Every structure is written in C-alpha cells, then in structure tokens.
Amino acid sequence: MLNYADYHYYSDIYKGSLSQALFNSLINKASRTIDRYVNKKITLEDLDKYEEVKYVACALCDKLNTISNSNVSSISIDGVSKTFKSSNEQKKELEDVLDNLPEDLVRYL
C-alpha cells in the first residue's frame, strides 16, 4: 500500500517535528484514513500532481500523534490520581480532525 508522504517531505517541506520512527508508525494510518475520504485510488502520479495530499497526510500524522498523547483528561498530584479519556472522547477528537480533511482532499482529487 502506498503511503502518501515520506519522512523527507514531512521534515524538510512540511517542517514537522515528529521523530522518523514516530512518523513512520503514523503515516500508514494517516494514508489509510485519507483513502476512506476520497473517491478514487491515489497513485504516485496523483502525489506528484497534487502535493496537497502529502501535506494533508503530514497534518494528519501530527493530529494522530496529538490525540494519542492527549488521552489523559485529569491528573491529581497530591492524590496521585490520573484519569484517562474514554475511547468515545478520543474517537470524537479524531472525527473532529477528519471532518476537515474531506473538504481539503475533494479540492484536489
């Protein structure tokens, strides 16, 4: 399966700050998420023609990372308590991010 951006594009052009290992672990999920929102199979030619797809894939990697790192909803220092967001809350955050992607992608594909 084709991933829609590589680490070189992410770090040098998009100017992302994820490590290469973290980016590599997220780009497949980001690319497959984009697949669900477009009406055609994206090819290498599409990536060459529509750089915006690479950009959206990078932005989605950053958002996926942010969501995965923000699953703590509260912390109590003295009481040594930590509360995690429910999977429904995390799913809602991801859906909020994805709601903006189709509009971006539809313009290009």
N, C-alpha and C. Protein backbone atom coordinates (compact mmCIF):
# COMPACT_ATOMS: atom_id res chain seq x y z
N MET A 1 0.83 -1.19 0.00
CA MET A 1 0.00 0.00 0.00
C MET A 1 0.87 1.25 0.00
N LEU A 2 0.39 2.25 -0.66
CA LEU A 2 1.13 3.48 -0.84
C LEU A 2 0.93 4.42 0.35
N ASN A 3 2.02 4.87 0.95
CA ASN A 3 1.94 5.93 1.96
C ASN A 3 2.08 7.26 1.25
N TYR A 4 1.32 8.24 1.67
CA TYR A 4 1.19 9.47 0.91
C TYR A 4 2.22 10.54 1.22
N ALA A 5 3.15 10.25 2.09
CA ALA A 5 4.27 11.16 2.35
C ALA A 5 5.41 10.33 2.92
N ASP A 6 6.61 10.86 2.79
CA ASP A 6 7.76 10.21 3.41
C ASP A 6 8.37 11.17 4.42
N TYR A 7 9.31 10.67 5.20
CA TYR A 7 9.87 11.49 6.27
C TYR A 7 10.62 12.70 5.72
N HIS A 8 11.25 12.56 4.58
CA HIS A 8 11.94 13.69 3.97
C HIS A 8 10.95 14.84 3.71
N TYR A 9 9.82 14.53 3.11
CA TYR A 9 8.81 15.56 2.86
C TYR A 9 8.31 16.14 4.19
N TYR A 10 8.03 15.24 5.14
CA TYR A 10 7.49 15.68 6.43
C TYR A 10 8.44 16.64 7.15
N SER A 11 9.71 16.29 7.21
CA SER A 11 10.65 17.11 7.99
C SER A 11 11.17 18.32 7.22
N ASP A 12 11.42 18.17 5.92
CA ASP A 12 12.06 19.25 5.16
C ASP A 12 11.09 20.23 4.51
N ILE A 13 9.94 19.75 4.08
CA ILE A 13 9.00 20.63 3.38
C ILE A 13 7.84 21.02 4.29
N TYR A 14 7.20 20.04 4.91
CA TYR A 14 6.10 20.31 5.83
C TYR A 14 6.62 20.94 7.13
N LYS A 15 7.85 20.65 7.47
CA LYS A 15 8.52 21.16 8.68
C LYS A 15 7.92 20.59 9.96
N GLY A 16 7.59 19.29 9.91
CA GLY A 16 7.06 18.63 11.10
C GLY A 16 8.15 18.32 12.10
N SER A 17 7.74 18.01 13.32
CA SER A 17 8.71 17.81 14.40
C SER A 17 8.71 16.40 14.98
N LEU A 18 7.93 15.49 14.41
CA LEU A 18 7.94 14.12 14.91
C LEU A 18 9.27 13.45 14.55
N SER A 19 9.66 12.49 15.37
CA SER A 19 10.85 11.70 15.03
C SER A 19 10.51 10.82 13.84
N GLN A 20 11.53 10.34 13.16
CA GLN A 20 11.30 9.50 11.99
C GLN A 20 10.56 8.22 12.39
N ALA A 21 10.93 7.64 13.50
CA ALA A 21 10.27 6.41 13.95
C ALA A 21 8.79 6.65 14.24
N LEU A 22 8.48 7.75 14.90
CA LEU A 22 7.09 8.06 15.21
C LEU A 22 6.31 8.38 13.94
N PHE A 23 6.91 9.16 13.06
CA PHE A 23 6.26 9.46 11.78
C PHE A 23 5.97 8.16 11.02
N ASN A 24 6.96 7.29 10.94
CA ASN A 24 6.78 6.03 10.22
C ASN A 24 5.68 5.17 10.82
N SER A 25 5.47 5.28 12.12
CA SER A 25 4.41 4.50 12.76
C SER A 25 3.03 5.09 12.51
N LEU A 26 2.95 6.36 12.13
CA LEU A 26 1.66 7.03 11.94
C LEU A 26 1.26 7.21 10.48
N ILE A 27 2.21 7.26 9.56
CA ILE A 27 1.90 7.61 8.17
C ILE A 27 1.00 6.57 7.50
N ASN A 28 1.14 5.31 7.82
CA ASN A 28 0.27 4.30 7.21
C ASN A 28 -1.18 4.52 7.65
N LYS A 29 -1.38 4.78 8.93
CA LYS A 29 -2.73 5.02 9.43
C LYS A 29 -3.31 6.30 8.81
N ALA A 30 -2.48 7.32 8.69
CA ALA A 30 -2.94 8.57 8.08
C ALA A 30 -3.32 8.35 6.62
N SER A 31 -2.51 7.62 5.90
CA SER A 31 -2.78 7.35 4.48
C SER A 31 -4.05 6.53 4.30
N ARG A 32 -4.24 5.53 5.15
CA ARG A 32 -5.44 4.70 5.04
C ARG A 32 -6.69 5.50 5.44
N THR A 33 -6.54 6.44 6.35
CA THR A 33 -7.66 7.30 6.72
C THR A 33 -8.05 8.18 5.55
N ILE A 34 -7.08 8.72 4.86
CA ILE A 34 -7.35 9.53 3.67
C ILE A 34 -8.07 8.68 2.62
N ASP A 35 -7.66 7.44 2.46
CA ASP A 35 -8.30 6.55 1.49
C ASP A 35 -9.81 6.47 1.70
N ARG A 36 -10.23 6.50 2.95
CA ARG A 36 -11.66 6.40 3.24
C ARG A 36 -12.43 7.65 2.82
N TYR A 37 -11.74 8.74 2.56
CA TYR A 37 -12.42 10.00 2.26
C TYR A 37 -12.32 10.44 0.81
N VAL A 38 -11.64 9.70 -0.01
CA VAL A 38 -11.54 10.07 -1.43
C VAL A 38 -12.26 9.03 -2.28
N ASN A 39 -12.64 9.44 -3.47
CA ASN A 39 -13.45 8.57 -4.32
C ASN A 39 -12.64 7.79 -5.34
N LYS A 40 -11.32 7.85 -5.25
CA LYS A 40 -10.50 7.11 -6.19
C LYS A 40 -9.25 6.61 -5.50
N LYS A 41 -8.59 5.68 -6.12
CA LYS A 41 -7.33 5.18 -5.59
C LYS A 41 -6.23 6.20 -5.93
N ILE A 42 -5.53 6.67 -4.91
CA ILE A 42 -4.47 7.65 -5.12
C ILE A 42 -3.22 6.92 -5.61
N THR A 43 -2.64 7.42 -6.67
CA THR A 43 -1.45 6.81 -7.28
C THR A 43 -0.23 7.70 -7.07
N LEU A 44 0.93 7.20 -7.45
CA LEU A 44 2.15 8.02 -7.40
C LEU A 44 2.01 9.25 -8.29
N GLU A 45 1.35 9.09 -9.41
CA GLU A 45 1.13 10.24 -10.31
C GLU A 45 0.28 11.31 -9.63
N ASP A 46 -0.73 10.87 -8.87
CA ASP A 46 -1.56 11.82 -8.12
C ASP A 46 -0.72 12.58 -7.10
N LEU A 47 0.18 11.85 -6.43
CA LEU A 47 1.02 12.50 -5.42
C LEU A 47 1.95 13.53 -6.06
N ASP A 48 2.45 13.21 -7.25
CA ASP A 48 3.30 14.16 -7.96
C ASP A 48 2.50 15.38 -8.41
N LYS A 49 1.27 15.16 -8.80
CA LYS A 49 0.43 16.23 -9.33
C LYS A 49 -0.20 17.06 -8.22
N TYR A 50 -0.59 16.41 -7.12
CA TYR A 50 -1.30 17.08 -6.03
C TYR A 50 -0.49 16.99 -4.74
N GLU A 51 0.43 17.89 -4.58
CA GLU A 51 1.28 17.88 -3.38
C GLU A 51 0.44 18.06 -2.11
N GLU A 52 -0.73 18.62 -2.25
CA GLU A 52 -1.59 18.85 -1.10
C GLU A 52 -1.96 17.56 -0.38
N VAL A 53 -2.01 16.45 -1.10
CA VAL A 53 -2.31 15.17 -0.47
C VAL A 53 -1.19 14.82 0.50
N LYS A 54 0.05 15.06 0.12
CA LYS A 54 1.18 14.81 1.03
C LYS A 54 1.06 15.69 2.26
N TYR A 55 0.69 16.94 2.04
CA TYR A 55 0.56 17.89 3.15
C TYR A 55 -0.53 17.44 4.12
N VAL A 56 -1.66 17.03 3.59
CA VAL A 56 -2.76 16.57 4.44
C VAL A 56 -2.34 15.32 5.21
N ALA A 57 -1.60 14.42 4.57
CA ALA A 57 -1.13 13.21 5.26
C ALA A 57 -0.21 13.58 6.42
N CYS A 58 0.65 14.56 6.21
CA CYS A 58 1.55 15.01 7.28
C CYS A 58 0.77 15.66 8.41
N ALA A 59 -0.19 16.50 8.05
CA ALA A 59 -1.01 17.16 9.07
C ALA A 59 -1.78 16.12 9.87
N LEU A 60 -2.27 15.11 9.20
CA LEU A 60 -3.00 14.06 9.90
C LEU A 60 -2.08 13.27 10.84
N CYS A 61 -0.83 13.04 10.44
CA CYS A 61 0.13 12.38 11.35
C CYS A 61 0.30 13.20 12.63
N ASP A 62 0.45 14.50 12.48
CA ASP A 62 0.59 15.36 13.66
C ASP A 62 -0.65 15.28 14.54
N LYS A 63 -1.83 15.30 13.92
CA LYS A 63 -3.08 15.25 14.69
C LYS A 63 -3.24 13.89 15.38
N LEU A 64 -2.92 12.82 14.70
CA LEU A 64 -3.00 11.49 15.31
C LEU A 64 -2.06 11.40 16.50
N ASN A 65 -0.88 11.97 16.37
CA ASN A 65 0.07 11.97 17.48
C ASN A 65 -0.46 12.80 18.65
N THR A 66 -1.03 13.96 18.36
CA THR A 66 -1.57 14.82 19.40
C THR A 66 -2.70 14.12 20.14
N ILE A 67 -3.57 13.47 19.40
CA ILE A 67 -4.69 12.77 20.03
C ILE A 67 -4.19 11.62 20.89
N SER A 68 -3.22 10.87 20.40
CA SER A 68 -2.73 9.73 21.19
C SER A 68 -1.99 10.19 22.44
N ASN A 69 -1.42 11.39 22.41
CA ASN A 69 -0.70 11.90 23.59
C ASN A 69 -1.60 12.68 24.54
N SER A 70 -2.84 12.91 24.15
CA SER A 70 -3.72 13.72 24.99
C SER A 70 -4.86 12.89 25.56
N ASN A 71 -4.60 11.62 25.84
CA ASN A 71 -5.66 10.78 26.35
C ASN A 71 -5.86 10.92 27.85
N VAL A 72 -5.07 11.74 28.53
CA VAL A 72 -5.25 12.00 29.95
C VAL A 72 -6.18 13.20 30.08
N SER A 73 -7.28 13.02 30.79
CA SER A 73 -8.22 14.12 30.94
C SER A 73 -8.04 14.87 32.25
N SER A 74 -7.44 14.23 33.27
CA SER A 74 -7.16 14.94 34.51
C SER A 74 -6.05 14.23 35.28
N ILE A 75 -5.32 15.02 36.06
CA ILE A 75 -4.24 14.50 36.90
C ILE A 75 -4.35 15.17 38.26
N SER A 76 -4.15 14.44 39.31
CA SER A 76 -4.14 14.98 40.66
C SER A 76 -2.80 14.63 41.29
N ILE A 77 -2.00 15.62 41.59
CA ILE A 77 -0.65 15.36 42.11
C ILE A 77 -0.66 14.81 43.53
N ASP A 78 -1.31 15.50 44.44
CA ASP A 78 -1.30 15.07 45.84
C ASP A 78 -2.03 13.74 46.02
N GLY A 79 -3.12 13.58 45.33
CA GLY A 79 -3.90 12.36 45.45
C GLY A 79 -3.39 11.25 44.54
N VAL A 80 -2.35 11.52 43.78
CA VAL A 80 -1.75 10.60 42.83
C VAL A 80 -2.85 9.91 42.01
N SER A 81 -3.67 10.72 41.39
CA SER A 81 -4.78 10.22 40.59
C SER A 81 -4.57 10.63 39.14
N LYS A 82 -4.96 9.78 38.24
CA LYS A 82 -4.84 10.07 36.81
C LYS A 82 -6.08 9.51 36.13
N THR A 83 -6.78 10.33 35.37
CA THR A 83 -7.99 9.89 34.68
C THR A 83 -7.75 9.96 33.18
N PHE A 84 -8.11 8.89 32.48
CA PHE A 84 -7.94 8.83 31.04
C PHE A 84 -9.26 9.12 30.34
N LYS A 85 -9.16 9.72 29.18
CA LYS A 85 -10.34 9.95 28.37
C LYS A 85 -10.89 8.62 27.90
N SER A 86 -12.19 8.58 27.74
CA SER A 86 -12.81 7.36 27.22
C SER A 86 -12.48 7.21 25.74
N SER A 87 -12.64 6.01 25.25
CA SER A 87 -12.39 5.79 23.83
C SER A 87 -13.37 6.59 22.98
N ASN A 88 -14.57 6.86 23.51
CA ASN A 88 -15.54 7.69 22.78
C ASN A 88 -15.04 9.13 22.65
N GLU A 89 -14.42 9.65 23.71
CA GLU A 89 -13.87 11.00 23.65
C GLU A 89 -12.73 11.07 22.64
N GLN A 90 -11.85 10.06 22.64
CA GLN A 90 -10.75 10.03 21.68
C GLN A 90 -11.28 9.89 20.26
N LYS A 91 -12.29 9.07 20.07
CA LYS A 91 -12.88 8.90 18.75
C LYS A 91 -13.49 10.20 18.26
N LYS A 92 -14.14 10.94 19.16
CA LYS A 92 -14.74 12.23 18.80
C LYS A 92 -13.66 13.22 18.37
N GLU A 93 -12.54 13.25 19.08
CA GLU A 93 -11.44 14.15 18.70
C GLU A 93 -10.92 13.81 17.31
N LEU A 94 -10.74 12.53 17.02
CA LEU A 94 -10.27 12.12 15.71
C LEU A 94 -11.29 12.47 14.63
N GLU A 95 -12.57 12.26 14.91
CA GLU A 95 -13.61 12.62 13.94
C GLU A 95 -13.61 14.12 13.67
N ASP A 96 -13.35 14.93 14.70
CA ASP A 96 -13.28 16.38 14.50
C ASP A 96 -12.16 16.74 13.54
N VAL A 97 -11.02 16.06 13.65
CA VAL A 97 -9.91 16.30 12.74
C VAL A 97 -10.28 15.86 11.33
N LEU A 98 -10.85 14.68 11.23
CA LEU A 98 -11.18 14.12 9.92
C LEU A 98 -12.29 14.87 9.22
N ASP A 99 -13.15 15.53 9.96
CA ASP A 99 -14.23 16.30 9.34
C ASP A 99 -13.70 17.39 8.42
N ASN A 100 -12.51 17.89 8.69
CA ASN A 100 -11.93 18.93 7.85
C ASN A 100 -11.17 18.38 6.65
N LEU A 101 -10.76 17.14 6.72
CA LEU A 101 -9.96 16.57 5.63
C LEU A 101 -10.72 16.41 4.32
N PRO A 102 -11.94 15.92 4.31
CA PRO A 102 -12.59 15.72 3.01
C PRO A 102 -12.67 16.99 2.18
N GLU A 103 -12.94 18.12 2.80
CA GLU A 103 -13.02 19.37 2.05
C GLU A 103 -11.68 19.68 1.38
N ASP A 104 -10.59 19.48 2.11
CA ASP A 104 -9.27 19.71 1.53
C ASP A 104 -9.00 18.76 0.39
N LEU A 105 -9.31 17.50 0.59
CA LEU A 105 -9.00 16.49 -0.41
C LEU A 105 -9.88 16.59 -1.64
N VAL A 106 -11.14 16.91 -1.45
CA VAL A 106 -12.05 16.97 -2.59
C VAL A 106 -11.60 18.03 -3.58
N ARG A 107 -10.97 19.06 -3.10
CA ARG A 107 -10.49 20.10 -4.00
C ARG A 107 -9.41 19.59 -4.94
N TYR A 108 -8.67 18.57 -4.51
CA TYR A 108 -7.52 18.12 -5.27
C TYR A 108 -7.75 16.82 -6.02
N LEU A 109 -8.69 16.01 -5.59
CA LEU A 109 -8.91 14.71 -6.24
C LEU A 109 -10.34 14.57 -6.71
